Every structure is written in structure tokens, then in C-alpha cells.
């Protein structure tokens, strides 16, 4: 009867003999990622990077996204790229319908890839319908997760950029607020009585006048001096106040 140690030695010799006769496994290029997979992965990374950069630029706390990539069927006939696939610099927003050109310089192929990117962002929105000429206050706002479209490129993402602004186009409840729908409030209207402040080095004076134009802070408007009747150009500095220089 063979002892266990002897049996173990014989078994080891047998296994060595068997494996010595067998060829080592050979991994062909087909074991690497296909060109289609490479393209999908590179497109995914590119969009996610751009989404992250956009979120940081807009200072948005929370976003949710979903990316659906559509690689052309012709990609199945391409050889896998031995190096990293290059992608053209992105144009426009990273959500909605997105298209990018991807290339493999070493093999000389390139193609356009499309993706549908759905995005939701946590945004300040009106908690009621706001009409034209209303001034936005904190009581008019709350925060919601909302879907964004490519047309929402000028959407306002910070409450501070809404407060004190005047509505130029109706703001609908719980809808993204675009910058084009707001402007700095009008401080002076046509016919308003205003104080005209005049100053130069070491001199200051003020007088009454009547506004002939509508004006926001910093606007140059025409003002008629109530005493002399002379029309001058002055700059709006506050409600009911304009400033000019000699």
C-alpha cells in the first residue's frame, strides 16, 4: 500500500505531465472590447464629464440623468481601436439630443454617434403664476426637481438671481425660469417727479425734474429740469433719483 506522501507525489507528477503536453491558452484580439463597446463607453464618459462640469458651473446641488446612446450599425464592422478613441469638443448643452464625432486616429475611422440625455435638476421656481411687471420675492419661490430641455439653456439656477427682478413674461407655477423672462426692475417711469443730482469736483447740487423716459438702474434717460425747462441726460441711481455731471 502506498503511503499518502507517495500518492501525492505521483499525482503531482501526473498533473505536470498532462499540462506539459497541453498548449498555453492564446488570447486573440477578439477577447478585447469591440469597437461598438469602445464607442459606447467613450461616449458615455464624455457626456457624464460634460454633465458634471455643467452642474458645477450652474452651482446646482442635485441632478439626475439618463443616457441612451445610439451607435450606428456600421460600427460592428470596425476594428477595435488600439488606443483611446478621440472625441470632438462638445457643442451646446449636454442634455437633450446630443451628437458627437468619435475617431480612431491609428486606424483612420470616424463616425458620428447620437445620444438622448434626459436630465432633472433641483431648481428655484415660482410657487404661483407670476404676471408681467410683478417683482419676484422669496415668498414667490420654492425648490423642485424638474426636467430640463435643450431650450432651457438660459434657465436660472440660483434664487439670488431671481429676487428683486421684474417679470417681463408670465412665469408659470413650477416651471423652469428663463433669464429672458426677467429684467432689472424699472425705478423710474415716464412722468415721474425725480431728484436730479449734479456733482463735480468739490461741488454738489440737486433740483427737481420730470422723467421723460422709463429707466432701470444705470440707464441713461432724458429728464426735464422743472425750474429751467431744460432737457438733460441723467443716469438712474435709485427710485426717484437720477444723477448727472457738469
Protein backbone atom coordinates (compact mmCIF):
# COMPACT_ATOMS: atom_id res chain seq x y z
CA UNK A 1 0.00 0.00 0.00
CA UNK A 2 1.37 3.38 -1.00
CA UNK A 3 1.80 5.96 1.67
CA UNK A 4 -0.14 9.31 1.35
CA UNK A 5 3.08 11.23 0.68
CA UNK A 6 3.94 8.92 -2.20
CA UNK A 7 0.43 9.19 -3.64
CA UNK A 8 0.68 12.98 -3.51
CA UNK A 9 3.98 12.94 -5.35
CA UNK A 10 2.67 10.68 -8.08
CA UNK A 11 -0.40 12.87 -8.53
CA UNK A 12 1.76 15.97 -8.89
CA UNK A 13 3.93 14.24 -11.48
CA UNK A 14 0.86 13.14 -13.42
CA UNK A 15 -0.61 16.66 -13.48
CA UNK A 16 2.69 18.16 -14.58
CA UNK A 17 2.88 15.64 -17.36
CA UNK A 18 -0.65 16.34 -18.56
CA UNK A 19 -0.33 20.13 -18.50
CA UNK A 20 3.08 19.93 -20.06
CA UNK A 21 1.52 18.33 -23.10
CA UNK A 22 -1.22 20.95 -23.42
CA UNK A 23 -0.56 24.33 -25.16
CA UNK A 24 -0.86 27.50 -23.14
CA UNK A 25 -4.11 29.50 -23.78
CA UNK A 26 -3.82 32.13 -26.51
CA UNK A 27 -5.94 35.29 -26.20
CA UNK A 28 -6.81 36.75 -29.56
CA UNK A 29 -7.87 40.33 -30.37
CA UNK A 30 -11.50 39.17 -30.29
CA UNK A 31 -11.18 38.92 -26.49
CA UNK A 32 -10.75 42.70 -26.28
CA UNK A 33 -13.67 45.15 -26.32
CA UNK A 34 -15.34 45.53 -29.69
CA UNK A 35 -15.30 48.87 -31.48
CA UNK A 36 -19.00 49.29 -30.67
CA UNK A 37 -18.35 48.78 -26.95
CA UNK A 38 -15.39 51.18 -27.04
CA UNK A 39 -17.53 53.81 -28.74
CA UNK A 40 -20.38 53.43 -26.25
CA UNK A 41 -18.01 53.67 -23.28
CA UNK A 42 -16.20 56.75 -24.61
CA UNK A 43 -19.47 58.49 -25.47
CA UNK A 44 -20.85 57.72 -22.00
CA UNK A 45 -17.75 59.09 -20.26
CA UNK A 46 -17.72 62.24 -22.40
CA UNK A 47 -21.36 63.09 -21.69
CA UNK A 48 -21.06 62.35 -17.97
CA UNK A 49 -17.97 64.58 -17.74
CA UNK A 50 -19.76 67.43 -19.50
CA UNK A 51 -22.83 66.99 -17.30
CA UNK A 52 -20.65 67.21 -14.19
CA UNK A 53 -18.94 70.36 -15.47
CA UNK A 54 -22.29 71.94 -16.34
CA UNK A 55 -23.64 71.14 -12.87
CA UNK A 56 -20.62 72.78 -11.23
CA UNK A 57 -20.83 75.87 -13.45
CA UNK A 58 -24.51 76.30 -12.64
CA UNK A 59 -23.94 75.54 -8.93
CA UNK A 60 -26.82 73.05 -8.87
CA UNK A 61 -26.90 70.84 -5.80
CA UNK A 62 -28.78 67.87 -7.24
CA UNK A 63 -29.24 66.44 -10.72
CA UNK A 64 -30.46 63.13 -12.11
CA UNK A 65 -29.76 61.93 -15.63
CA UNK A 66 -30.24 59.04 -18.02
CA UNK A 67 -28.16 58.49 -21.17
CA UNK A 68 -29.35 56.43 -24.14
CA UNK A 69 -26.58 56.03 -26.76
CA UNK A 70 -27.29 55.08 -30.35
CA UNK A 71 -24.22 53.76 -32.14
CA UNK A 72 -24.54 53.42 -35.95
CA UNK A 73 -24.85 49.79 -37.11
CA UNK A 74 -21.73 50.24 -39.25
CA UNK A 75 -19.63 50.26 -36.08
CA UNK A 76 -19.96 46.46 -35.95
CA UNK A 77 -17.68 46.26 -38.98
CA UNK A 78 -14.91 48.41 -37.48
CA UNK A 79 -11.74 47.06 -35.91
CA UNK A 80 -11.33 47.85 -32.21
CA UNK A 81 -9.19 50.92 -31.67
CA UNK A 82 -5.81 50.01 -30.11
CA UNK A 83 -5.60 53.41 -28.46
CA UNK A 84 -8.11 55.67 -26.73
CA UNK A 85 -10.84 56.86 -29.07
CA UNK A 86 -10.83 60.63 -29.54
CA UNK A 87 -13.97 62.72 -29.43
CA UNK A 88 -14.56 66.20 -30.81
CA UNK A 89 -15.05 69.07 -28.30
CA UNK A 90 -18.71 69.20 -27.20
CA UNK A 91 -21.04 71.83 -28.60
CA UNK A 92 -24.08 73.15 -26.74
CA UNK A 93 -25.73 71.70 -23.67
CA UNK A 94 -25.01 68.13 -22.51
CA UNK A 95 -28.69 67.15 -22.38
CA UNK A 96 -31.50 66.71 -24.86
CA UNK A 97 -30.42 65.26 -28.23
CA UNK A 98 -26.62 65.12 -28.32
CA UNK A 99 -24.29 64.27 -31.22
CA UNK A 100 -20.53 63.74 -31.13
CA UNK A 101 -17.86 62.74 -33.65
CA UNK A 102 -15.65 59.87 -32.44
CA UNK A 103 -12.46 58.81 -34.19
CA UNK A 104 -9.67 56.24 -34.06
CA UNK A 105 -6.62 58.07 -35.49
CA UNK A 106 -4.41 54.99 -35.70
CA UNK A 107 -6.94 53.05 -37.82
CA UNK A 108 -8.32 56.06 -39.67
CA UNK A 109 -12.01 55.53 -38.93
CA UNK A 110 -14.52 58.02 -37.52
CA UNK A 111 -18.27 58.22 -37.12
CA UNK A 112 -21.00 60.36 -35.59
CA UNK A 113 -22.79 58.99 -32.54
CA UNK A 114 -26.05 60.26 -31.13
CA UNK A 115 -27.47 60.09 -27.65
CA UNK A 116 -30.65 61.10 -25.88
CA UNK A 117 -29.87 62.59 -22.47
CA UNK A 118 -32.74 63.22 -20.07
CA UNK A 119 -31.93 65.47 -17.12
CA UNK A 120 -33.68 66.61 -13.98
CA UNK A 121 -32.28 69.41 -11.82
CA UNK A 122 -33.17 70.89 -8.43
CA UNK A 123 -34.23 74.45 -9.26
CA UNK A 124 -35.92 77.52 -7.74
CA UNK A 125 -39.35 78.00 -9.34
CA UNK A 126 -42.46 80.11 -8.83
CA UNK A 127 -44.98 78.65 -6.40
CA UNK A 128 -47.76 80.53 -8.21
CA UNK A 129 -48.25 82.14 -11.60
CA UNK A 130 -46.43 85.48 -11.68
CA UNK A 131 -47.75 88.14 -14.02
CA UNK A 132 -45.86 90.69 -16.06
CA UNK A 133 -44.37 93.60 -14.07
CA UNK A 134 -44.52 91.75 -10.74
CA UNK A 135 -41.36 91.86 -8.63
CA UNK A 136 -40.07 88.44 -7.52
CA UNK A 137 -39.76 87.93 -3.76
CA UNK A 138 -38.66 84.95 -1.66
CA UNK A 139 -42.32 84.32 -0.80
CA UNK A 140 -42.97 83.62 -4.50
CA UNK A 141 -40.41 80.82 -4.76
CA UNK A 142 -39.77 77.23 -3.75
CA UNK A 143 -37.50 74.40 -4.98
CA UNK A 144 -38.36 71.39 -7.14
CA UNK A 145 -36.72 68.65 -9.21
CA UNK A 146 -37.68 69.48 -12.79
CA UNK A 147 -36.88 68.02 -16.21
CA UNK A 148 -34.85 70.30 -18.49
CA UNK A 149 -34.88 70.53 -22.29
CA UNK A 150 -32.27 71.86 -24.70
CA UNK A 151 -34.34 75.06 -24.97
CA UNK A 152 -33.75 75.71 -21.25
CA UNK A 153 -30.18 76.86 -21.85
CA UNK A 154 -30.70 80.20 -20.04
CA UNK A 155 -32.58 78.73 -17.07
CA UNK A 156 -31.87 80.44 -13.74
CA UNK A 157 -30.47 78.04 -11.16
CA UNK A 158 -29.90 80.35 -8.17
CA UNK A 159 -32.56 82.05 -6.05
CA UNK A 160 -30.35 85.12 -5.59
CA UNK A 161 -30.57 85.80 -9.33
CA UNK A 162 -34.37 85.89 -9.14
CA UNK A 163 -35.03 88.05 -6.10
CA UNK A 164 -35.90 91.65 -6.87
CA UNK A 165 -36.22 91.03 -10.60
CA UNK A 166 -39.21 92.26 -12.60
CA UNK A 167 -41.26 89.80 -14.64
CA UNK A 168 -41.34 90.60 -18.37
CA UNK A 169 -43.28 87.50 -19.42
CA UNK A 170 -45.68 85.41 -17.37
CA UNK A 171 -43.92 82.89 -15.11
CA UNK A 172 -45.88 79.67 -14.75
CA UNK A 173 -46.03 77.79 -11.50
CA UNK A 174 -43.43 75.02 -11.11
CA UNK A 175 -41.78 75.66 -14.48
CA UNK A 176 -38.08 76.43 -15.11
CA UNK A 177 -37.50 80.20 -15.07
CA UNK A 178 -35.52 81.56 -18.01
CA UNK A 179 -33.43 84.72 -17.76
CA UNK A 180 -35.25 86.16 -20.78
CA UNK A 181 -38.43 86.31 -18.70
CA UNK A 182 -36.94 88.74 -16.17
CA UNK A 183 -35.18 92.08 -16.08
CA UNK A 184 -33.94 94.59 -13.54
CA UNK A 185 -36.91 96.48 -12.09
CA UNK A 186 -37.89 99.85 -13.56
CA UNK A 187 -37.12 102.51 -10.99
CA UNK A 188 -38.50 105.45 -12.96
CA UNK A 189 -41.48 105.78 -15.30
CA UNK A 190 -42.40 108.50 -17.76
CA UNK A 191 -43.86 111.48 -15.91
CA UNK A 192 -42.33 110.61 -12.53
CA UNK A 193 -41.03 113.53 -10.48
CA UNK A 194 -37.35 112.92 -9.80
CA UNK A 195 -34.49 114.49 -7.89
CA UNK A 196 -31.65 115.43 -10.21
CA UNK A 197 -28.29 115.21 -8.51
CA UNK A 198 -25.43 117.14 -10.10
CA UNK A 199 -21.84 116.92 -8.99
CA UNK A 200 -18.30 117.77 -9.99
CA UNK A 201 -15.07 118.18 -8.05
CA UNK A 202 -15.95 119.83 -4.75
CA UNK A 203 -19.48 120.70 -5.86
CA UNK A 204 -22.89 119.09 -5.30
CA UNK A 205 -26.42 120.27 -6.03
CA UNK A 206 -29.85 118.78 -6.51
CA UNK A 207 -33.02 120.02 -8.15
CA UNK A 208 -36.42 118.73 -9.17
CA UNK A 209 -37.19 117.34 -12.61
CA UNK A 210 -39.63 115.21 -14.56
CA UNK A 211 -38.65 111.94 -16.24
CA UNK A 212 -39.28 111.75 -19.98
CA UNK A 213 -38.22 108.08 -20.28
CA UNK A 214 -38.54 104.81 -18.43
CA UNK A 215 -35.35 103.75 -16.65
CA UNK A 216 -33.71 100.95 -14.70
CA UNK A 217 -30.65 101.36 -12.51
CA UNK A 218 -27.76 102.60 -14.63
CA UNK A 219 -29.94 103.59 -17.60
CA UNK A 220 -29.42 106.96 -19.27
CA UNK A 221 -32.75 108.78 -19.56
CA UNK A 222 -33.98 112.23 -20.54
CA UNK A 223 -35.07 114.46 -17.68
CA UNK A 224 -36.66 117.90 -17.85
CA UNK A 225 -35.44 120.41 -15.26
CA UNK A 226 -38.58 121.74 -13.55
CA UNK A 227 -37.04 125.20 -12.94
CA UNK A 228 -35.31 125.94 -16.23
CA UNK A 229 -37.32 123.69 -18.54
CA UNK A 230 -34.05 122.38 -19.98
CA UNK A 231 -33.92 118.71 -21.02
CA UNK A 232 -30.80 116.89 -19.92
CA UNK A 233 -29.49 113.33 -19.89
CA UNK A 234 -29.10 111.74 -16.48
CA UNK A 235 -28.42 108.26 -15.11
CA UNK A 236 -30.82 106.38 -12.85
CA UNK A 237 -29.27 105.68 -9.45
CA UNK A 238 -32.32 104.75 -7.36
CA UNK A 239 -36.08 105.03 -7.34
CA UNK A 240 -36.94 108.68 -7.98
CA UNK A 241 -33.28 109.74 -8.26
CA UNK A 242 -31.04 110.47 -11.26
CA UNK A 243 -27.52 111.82 -11.49
CA UNK A 244 -25.72 114.00 -13.98
CA UNK A 245 -22.35 115.72 -14.10
CA UNK A 246 -21.37 119.21 -15.09
